[in-house]
Amino acid sequence: MAEKEELLKEVVGIITQELTRDAVHKKRKKELVYTCSLAQNISGWIGLSVTKDRSDGRVGVSPIVGVRSEEIEAFVEKHWGRPAPTISISLGYLMPEQRHLEWLFEPQPFDYVSEAKKVTKAIETYGIPFMKANASLDVIVNDLEHLRFSLKESVEYRLPVAYLLVNKTGPAVKYVNERLAALDGRQDDAAVRYRAFGAAFLQEAMKR
């Protein structure tokens, strides 16, 4: 396990060096997350999902790319507490393979340095254009409305906030009230969390 840990540390170090070499991407402390500015209050987001418990002795890296509206996430994090990109997708689905991809690494003589650089090249080739194409609130709203690049649970928190930011207060309030009504009688944790979020959101909407 120590050997895997060291290999993964070296691989992540190479990827980090490549991603941050031009100072465009900044790495979050203690996280395998990198961000870059795309537009006012909108950031590009790269996350590295790593696997080190493979039985074949190798370690894996799967990049996830996304776009983060700092305004949406500030409200969502305050009332839900889950830092995340607003929309995101596994990098492999943006590539010709159109499926989840995991880059695998093993110790030398395997050239893990070149393989790690392929990860950053793929991010630059396929991930960055995706970020730029979705770097506006109007596009993000459309993505959320059609459940593109996001899960339903995530959309239920983020779409109404996005509506407020593009001055669609009526649809925002209607959206949250409909979801609160659908939770009637439920006392599970998810329902309790959304009721708390909904109450805070409706209070904010009244100020608009």
C-alpha atoms as a PDB file:
ATOM      1  CA  MET A   1       0.000   0.000   0.000  1.00  0.00           C
ATOM      2  CA  ALA A   2       2.881   2.387   0.764  1.00  0.00           C
ATOM      3  CA  GLU A   3       4.222   1.855  -2.754  1.00  0.00           C
ATOM      4  CA  LYS A   4       0.806   2.691  -4.228  1.00  0.00           C
ATOM      5  CA  GLU A   5       0.551   5.802  -2.074  1.00  0.00           C
ATOM      6  CA  GLU A   6       3.948   7.000  -3.262  1.00  0.00           C
ATOM      7  CA  LEU A   7       3.133   6.290  -6.902  1.00  0.00           C
ATOM      8  CA  LEU A   8      -0.183   8.117  -6.652  1.00  0.00           C
ATOM      9  CA  LYS A   9       1.541  11.056  -4.966  1.00  0.00           C
ATOM     10  CA  GLU A  10       4.044  11.273  -7.837  1.00  0.00           C
ATOM     11  CA  VAL A  11       1.334  10.999 -10.512  1.00  0.00           C
ATOM     12  CA  VAL A  12      -0.825  13.676  -8.875  1.00  0.00           C
ATOM     13  CA  GLY A  13       2.262  15.844  -8.483  1.00  0.00           C
ATOM     14  CA  ILE A  14       2.973  15.653 -12.217  1.00  0.00           C
ATOM     15  CA  ILE A  15      -0.644  16.449 -13.109  1.00  0.00           C
ATOM     16  CA  THR A  16      -0.668  19.350 -10.643  1.00  0.00           C
ATOM     17  CA  GLN A  17       2.555  20.755 -12.074  1.00  0.00           C
ATOM     18  CA  GLU A  18       1.174  20.536 -15.613  1.00  0.00           C
ATOM     19  CA  LEU A  19      -2.184  22.085 -14.730  1.00  0.00           C
ATOM     20  CA  THR A  20      -0.741  24.956 -12.709  1.00  0.00           C
ATOM     21  CA  ARG A  21       2.378  25.706 -14.774  1.00  0.00           C
ATOM     22  CA  ASP A  22       0.817  28.751 -16.447  1.00  0.00           C
ATOM     23  CA  ALA A  23      -0.887  29.997 -13.247  1.00  0.00           C
ATOM     24  CA  VAL A  24      -4.316  29.687 -14.898  1.00  0.00           C
ATOM     25  CA  HIS A  25      -5.425  26.832 -12.678  1.00  0.00           C
ATOM     26  CA  LYS A  26      -5.107  27.051  -8.921  1.00  0.00           C
ATOM     27  CA  LYS A  27      -5.126  24.011  -6.675  1.00  0.00           C
ATOM     28  CA  ARG A  28      -7.306  24.028  -3.573  1.00  0.00           C
ATOM     29  CA  LYS A  29      -5.380  23.167  -0.438  1.00  0.00           C
ATOM     30  CA  LYS A  30      -5.644  19.521   0.639  1.00  0.00           C
ATOM     31  CA  GLU A  31      -8.020  18.773  -2.251  1.00  0.00           C
ATOM     32  CA  LEU A  32      -7.491  17.289  -5.693  1.00  0.00           C
ATOM     33  CA  VAL A  33      -9.452  20.203  -7.126  1.00  0.00           C
ATOM     34  CA  TYR A  34      -8.211  22.885  -9.507  1.00  0.00           C
ATOM     35  CA  THR A  35     -10.023  26.042 -10.550  1.00  0.00           C
ATOM     36  CA  CYS A  36      -9.613  28.795 -13.106  1.00  0.00           C
ATOM     37  CA  SER A  37     -11.487  32.011 -13.834  1.00  0.00           C
ATOM     38  CA  LEU A  38     -13.795  31.889 -16.865  1.00  0.00           C
ATOM     39  CA  ALA A  39     -16.036  34.939 -16.458  1.00  0.00           C
ATOM     40  CA  GLN A  40     -17.275  37.211 -13.696  1.00  0.00           C
ATOM     41  CA  ASN A  41     -18.226  34.989 -10.739  1.00  0.00           C
ATOM     42  CA  ILE A  42     -17.859  31.839 -12.868  1.00  0.00           C
ATOM     43  CA  SER A  43     -14.977  29.397 -12.547  1.00  0.00           C
ATOM     44  CA  GLY A  44     -13.770  26.345 -14.381  1.00  0.00           C
ATOM     45  CA  TRP A  45     -13.456  23.296 -12.111  1.00  0.00           C
ATOM     46  CA  ILE A  46     -11.318  20.158 -12.388  1.00  0.00           C
ATOM     47  CA  GLY A  47     -11.459  17.345  -9.864  1.00  0.00           C
ATOM     48  CA  LEU A  48      -9.331  14.201  -9.779  1.00  0.00           C
ATOM     49  CA  SER A  49     -11.047  11.051  -8.595  1.00  0.00           C
ATOM     50  CA  VAL A  50      -8.357   8.544  -7.594  1.00  0.00           C
ATOM     51  CA  THR A  51      -8.362   4.780  -7.072  1.00  0.00           C
ATOM     52  CA  LYS A  52      -5.656   3.069  -5.033  1.00  0.00           C
ATOM     53  CA  ASP A  53      -7.308  -0.189  -3.935  1.00  0.00           C
ATOM     54  CA  ARG A  54      -7.058  -2.040  -7.244  1.00  0.00           C
ATOM     55  CA  SER A  55      -6.075  -5.697  -6.946  1.00  0.00           C
ATOM     56  CA  ASP A  56      -3.660  -5.460  -9.897  1.00  0.00           C
ATOM     57  CA  GLY A  57      -1.301  -3.139  -8.033  1.00  0.00           C
ATOM     58  CA  ARG A  58      -2.007  -0.121 -10.203  1.00  0.00           C
ATOM     59  CA  VAL A  59      -3.538   3.204  -9.255  1.00  0.00           C
ATOM     60  CA  GLY A  60      -6.136   5.113 -11.270  1.00  0.00           C
ATOM     61  CA  VAL A  61      -7.049   8.725 -11.958  1.00  0.00           C
ATOM     62  CA  SER A  62     -10.394   9.827 -13.410  1.00  0.00           C
ATOM     63  CA  PRO A  63     -10.748  13.573 -14.115  1.00  0.00           C
ATOM     64  CA  ILE A  64     -14.084  15.319 -13.680  1.00  0.00           C
ATOM     65  CA  VAL A  65     -14.542  18.745 -15.260  1.00  0.00           C
ATOM     66  CA  GLY A  66     -17.175  21.321 -14.513  1.00  0.00           C
ATOM     67  CA  VAL A  67     -18.272  24.909 -14.194  1.00  0.00           C
ATOM     68  CA  ARG A  68     -18.940  26.636 -10.902  1.00  0.00           C
ATOM     69  CA  SER A  69     -21.116  29.715 -10.454  1.00  0.00           C
ATOM     70  CA  GLU A  70     -19.663  31.286  -7.340  1.00  0.00           C
ATOM     71  CA  GLU A  71     -22.955  33.095  -6.643  1.00  0.00           C
ATOM     72  CA  ILE A  72     -25.047  29.926  -6.875  1.00  0.00           C
ATOM     73  CA  GLU A  73     -22.602  27.900  -4.811  1.00  0.00           C
ATOM     74  CA  ALA A  74     -22.270  30.569  -2.101  1.00  0.00           C
ATOM     75  CA  PHE A  75     -25.991  30.253  -1.356  1.00  0.00           C
ATOM     76  CA  VAL A  76     -26.119  26.466  -1.743  1.00  0.00           C
ATOM     77  CA  GLU A  77     -23.087  25.891   0.481  1.00  0.00           C
ATOM     78  CA  LYS A  78     -24.508  28.163   3.166  1.00  0.00           C
ATOM     79  CA  HIS A  79     -27.796  26.275   3.305  1.00  0.00           C
ATOM     80  CA  TRP A  80     -26.763  22.778   2.180  1.00  0.00           C
ATOM     81  CA  GLY A  81     -23.067  22.626   2.961  1.00  0.00           C
ATOM     82  CA  ARG A  82     -21.808  20.681  -0.044  1.00  0.00           C
ATOM     83  CA  PRO A  83     -19.036  22.489  -1.971  1.00  0.00           C
ATOM     84  CA  ALA A  84     -19.164  21.405  -5.590  1.00  0.00           C
ATOM     85  CA  PRO A  85     -19.203  22.585  -9.174  1.00  0.00           C
ATOM     86  CA  THR A  86     -22.606  23.751 -10.405  1.00  0.00           C
ATOM     87  CA  ILE A  87     -22.441  21.387 -13.380  1.00  0.00           C
ATOM     88  CA  SER A  88     -19.889  18.647 -14.051  1.00  0.00           C
ATOM     89  CA  ILE A  89     -19.150  15.598 -16.156  1.00  0.00           C
ATOM     90  CA  SER A  90     -16.583  12.818 -16.249  1.00  0.00           C
ATOM     91  CA  LEU A  91     -13.957  13.854 -18.808  1.00  0.00           C
ATOM     92  CA  GLY A  92     -14.266  10.595 -20.752  1.00  0.00           C
ATOM     93  CA  TYR A  93     -17.811  11.460 -21.851  1.00  0.00           C
ATOM     94  CA  LEU A  94     -16.462  14.537 -23.644  1.00  0.00           C
ATOM     95  CA  MET A  95     -13.873  12.468 -25.517  1.00  0.00           C
ATOM     96  CA  PRO A  96     -14.385  10.290 -28.609  1.00  0.00           C
ATOM     97  CA  GLU A  97     -14.874   7.257 -26.317  1.00  0.00           C
ATOM     98  CA  GLN A  98     -17.967   8.908 -24.740  1.00  0.00           C
ATOM     99  CA  ARG A  99     -17.712   6.830 -21.568  1.00  0.00           C
ATOM    100  CA  HIS A 100     -16.153   6.995 -18.145  1.00  0.00           C
ATOM    101  CA  LEU A 101     -12.368   6.729 -18.484  1.00  0.00           C
ATOM    102  CA  GLU A 102      -9.757   5.954 -15.862  1.00  0.00           C
ATOM    103  CA  TRP A 103      -6.067   6.442 -16.544  1.00  0.00           C
ATOM    104  CA  LEU A 104      -4.054   3.630 -14.942  1.00  0.00           C
ATOM    105  CA  PHE A 105      -0.515   3.893 -13.585  1.00  0.00           C
ATOM    106  CA  GLU A 106       2.072   1.440 -12.332  1.00  0.00           C
ATOM    107  CA  PRO A 107       5.702   1.814 -11.198  1.00  0.00           C
ATOM    108  CA  GLN A 108       8.641   1.959 -13.597  1.00  0.00           C
ATOM    109  CA  PRO A 109       9.595   0.697 -16.132  1.00  0.00           C
ATOM    110  CA  PHE A 110       6.087   1.883 -17.070  1.00  0.00           C
ATOM    111  CA  ASP A 111       6.360   5.501 -18.219  1.00  0.00           C
ATOM    112  CA  TYR A 112       3.890   6.986 -15.749  1.00  0.00           C
ATOM    113  CA  VAL A 113       5.272  10.488 -16.329  1.00  0.00           C
ATOM    114  CA  SER A 114       4.176  10.524 -19.979  1.00  0.00           C
ATOM    115  CA  GLU A 115       0.850   8.923 -19.061  1.00  0.00           C
ATOM    116  CA  ALA A 116       0.197  11.602 -16.433  1.00  0.00           C
ATOM    117  CA  LYS A 117       0.873  14.297 -19.014  1.00  0.00           C
ATOM    118  CA  LYS A 118      -1.724  12.637 -21.269  1.00  0.00           C
ATOM    119  CA  VAL A 119      -4.290  13.308 -18.556  1.00  0.00           C
ATOM    120  CA  THR A 120      -3.610  17.043 -18.603  1.00  0.00           C
ATOM    121  CA  LYS A 121      -3.535  17.059 -22.397  1.00  0.00           C
ATOM    122  CA  ALA A 122      -6.988  15.470 -22.470  1.00  0.00           C
ATOM    123  CA  ILE A 123      -8.248  18.063 -19.981  1.00  0.00           C
ATOM    124  CA  GLU A 124      -6.887  20.871 -22.147  1.00  0.00           C
ATOM    125  CA  THR A 125      -8.278  19.366 -25.352  1.00  0.00           C
ATOM    126  CA  TYR A 126     -11.745  18.347 -24.196  1.00  0.00           C
ATOM    127  CA  GLY A 127     -12.350  19.769 -20.717  1.00  0.00           C
ATOM    128  CA  ILE A 128     -11.419  23.416 -21.224  1.00  0.00           C
ATOM    129  CA  PRO A 129     -13.694  23.881 -24.294  1.00  0.00           C
ATOM    130  CA  PHE A 130     -16.556  22.353 -22.285  1.00  0.00           C
ATOM    131  CA  MET A 131     -15.970  24.835 -19.479  1.00  0.00           C
ATOM    132  CA  LYS A 132     -15.841  27.813 -21.835  1.00  0.00           C
ATOM    133  CA  ALA A 133     -19.016  26.699 -23.641  1.00  0.00           C
ATOM    134  CA  ASN A 134     -20.940  26.624 -20.344  1.00  0.00           C
ATOM    135  CA  ALA A 135     -19.467  29.734 -18.726  1.00  0.00           C
ATOM    136  CA  SER A 136     -22.579  31.908 -18.487  1.00  0.00           C
ATOM    137  CA  LEU A 137     -25.586  31.933 -16.179  1.00  0.00           C
ATOM    138  CA  ASP A 138     -28.044  31.597 -19.077  1.00  0.00           C
ATOM    139  CA  VAL A 139     -26.317  28.427 -20.318  1.00  0.00           C
ATOM    140  CA  ILE A 140     -26.057  27.044 -16.779  1.00  0.00           C
ATOM    141  CA  VAL A 141     -29.801  27.622 -16.259  1.00  0.00           C
ATOM    142  CA  ASN A 142     -30.528  25.755 -19.475  1.00  0.00           C
ATOM    143  CA  ASP A 143     -28.237  22.886 -18.448  1.00  0.00           C
ATOM    144  CA  LEU A 144     -29.934  22.600 -15.054  1.00  0.00           C
ATOM    145  CA  GLU A 145     -33.438  22.775 -16.540  1.00  0.00           C
ATOM    146  CA  HIS A 146     -32.653  19.828 -18.821  1.00  0.00           C
ATOM    147  CA  LEU A 147     -30.735  17.846 -16.167  1.00  0.00           C
ATOM    148  CA  ARG A 148     -27.552  18.077 -18.218  1.00  0.00           C
ATOM    149  CA  PHE A 149     -24.275  17.587 -16.380  1.00  0.00           C
ATOM    150  CA  SER A 150     -26.008  17.342 -12.998  1.00  0.00           C
ATOM    151  CA  LEU A 151     -28.030  14.996 -10.801  1.00  0.00           C
ATOM    152  CA  LYS A 152     -31.663  15.700  -9.904  1.00  0.00           C
ATOM    153  CA  GLU A 153     -30.885  16.238  -6.208  1.00  0.00           C
ATOM    154  CA  SER A 154     -28.254  18.830  -7.113  1.00  0.00           C
ATOM    155  CA  VAL A 155     -30.571  20.590  -9.568  1.00  0.00           C
ATOM    156  CA  GLU A 156     -33.304  20.978  -6.952  1.00  0.00           C
ATOM    157  CA  TYR A 157     -30.978  23.180  -4.920  1.00  0.00           C
ATOM    158  CA  ARG A 158     -29.156  25.003  -7.689  1.00  0.00           C
ATOM    159  CA  LEU A 159     -31.806  25.749 -10.325  1.00  0.00           C
ATOM    160  CA  PRO A 160     -33.982  28.046  -8.166  1.00  0.00           C
ATOM    161  CA  VAL A 161     -30.911  30.032  -7.103  1.00  0.00           C
ATOM    162  CA  ALA A 162     -29.887  30.309 -10.750  1.00  0.00           C
ATOM    163  CA  TYR A 163     -33.381  31.566 -11.591  1.00  0.00           C
ATOM    164  CA  LEU A 164     -33.033  34.338  -9.021  1.00  0.00           C
ATOM    165  CA  LEU A 165     -29.708  35.414 -10.478  1.00  0.00           C
ATOM    166  CA  VAL A 166     -31.228  35.812 -13.965  1.00  0.00           C
ATOM    167  CA  ASN A 167     -34.216  37.718 -12.566  1.00  0.00           C
ATOM    168  CA  LYS A 168     -36.738  34.874 -12.860  1.00  0.00           C
ATOM    169  CA  THR A 169     -38.098  35.214  -9.339  1.00  0.00           C
ATOM    170  CA  GLY A 170     -41.560  33.891 -10.211  1.00  0.00           C
ATOM    171  CA  PRO A 171     -40.322  30.586 -11.698  1.00  0.00           C
ATOM    172  CA  ALA A 172     -37.831  30.267  -8.839  1.00  0.00           C
ATOM    173  CA  VAL A 173     -40.498  30.553  -6.131  1.00  0.00           C
ATOM    174  CA  LYS A 174     -42.877  28.269  -8.036  1.00  0.00           C
ATOM    175  CA  TYR A 175     -40.134  25.648  -8.430  1.00  0.00           C
ATOM    176  CA  VAL A 176     -39.290  25.562  -4.710  1.00  0.00           C
ATOM    177  CA  ASN A 177     -42.928  25.590  -3.580  1.00  0.00           C
ATOM    178  CA  GLU A 178     -43.714  22.633  -5.848  1.00  0.00           C
ATOM    179  CA  ARG A 179     -40.853  20.647  -4.393  1.00  0.00           C
ATOM    180  CA  LEU A 180     -41.794  21.524  -0.847  1.00  0.00           C
ATOM    181  CA  ALA A 181     -45.345  20.368  -1.565  1.00  0.00           C
ATOM    182  CA  ALA A 182     -43.999  17.075  -2.911  1.00  0.00           C
ATOM    183  CA  LEU A 183     -42.219  16.517   0.420  1.00  0.00           C
ATOM    184  CA  ASP A 184     -45.444  16.748   2.443  1.00  0.00           C
ATOM    185  CA  GLY A 185     -45.491  14.049   5.100  1.00  0.00           C
ATOM    186  CA  ARG A 186     -41.839  13.037   4.621  1.00  0.00           C
ATOM    187  CA  GLN A 187     -39.521  13.247   7.622  1.00  0.00           C
ATOM    188  CA  ASP A 188     -36.346  11.698   6.212  1.00  0.00           C
ATOM    189  CA  ASP A 189     -33.068  13.620   6.317  1.00  0.00           C
ATOM    190  CA  ALA A 190     -33.267  14.697   2.672  1.00  0.00           C
ATOM    191  CA  ALA A 191     -36.734  16.174   3.199  1.00  0.00           C
ATOM    192  CA  VAL A 192     -35.703  17.972   6.380  1.00  0.00           C
ATOM    193  CA  ARG A 193     -32.657  19.467   4.624  1.00  0.00           C
ATOM    194  CA  TYR A 194     -34.692  20.662   1.672  1.00  0.00           C
ATOM    195  CA  ARG A 195     -37.350  22.236   3.879  1.00  0.00           C
ATOM    196  CA  ALA A 196     -34.627  24.218   5.645  1.00  0.00           C
ATOM    197  CA  PHE A 197     -33.144  25.227   2.309  1.00  0.00           C
ATOM    198  CA  GLY A 198     -36.572  26.110   0.927  1.00  0.00           C
ATOM    199  CA  ALA A 199     -37.432  28.332   3.875  1.00  0.00           C
ATOM    200  CA  ALA A 200     -34.153  30.231   3.547  1.00  0.00           C
ATOM    201  CA  PHE A 201     -34.562  30.480  -0.208  1.00  0.00           C
ATOM    202  CA  LEU A 202     -38.117  31.847  -0.091  1.00  0.00           C
ATOM    203  CA  GLN A 203     -37.039  34.412   2.474  1.00  0.00           C
ATOM    204  CA  GLU A 204     -34.260  35.514   0.110  1.00  0.00           C
ATOM    205  CA  ALA A 205     -36.660  35.596  -2.854  1.00  0.00           C
ATOM    206  CA  MET A 206     -38.970  37.974  -0.968  1.00  0.00           C
ATOM    207  CA  LYS A 207     -36.172  40.566  -0.978  1.00  0.00           C
ATOM    208  CA  ARG A 208     -36.091  40.643  -4.790  1.00  0.00           C
END
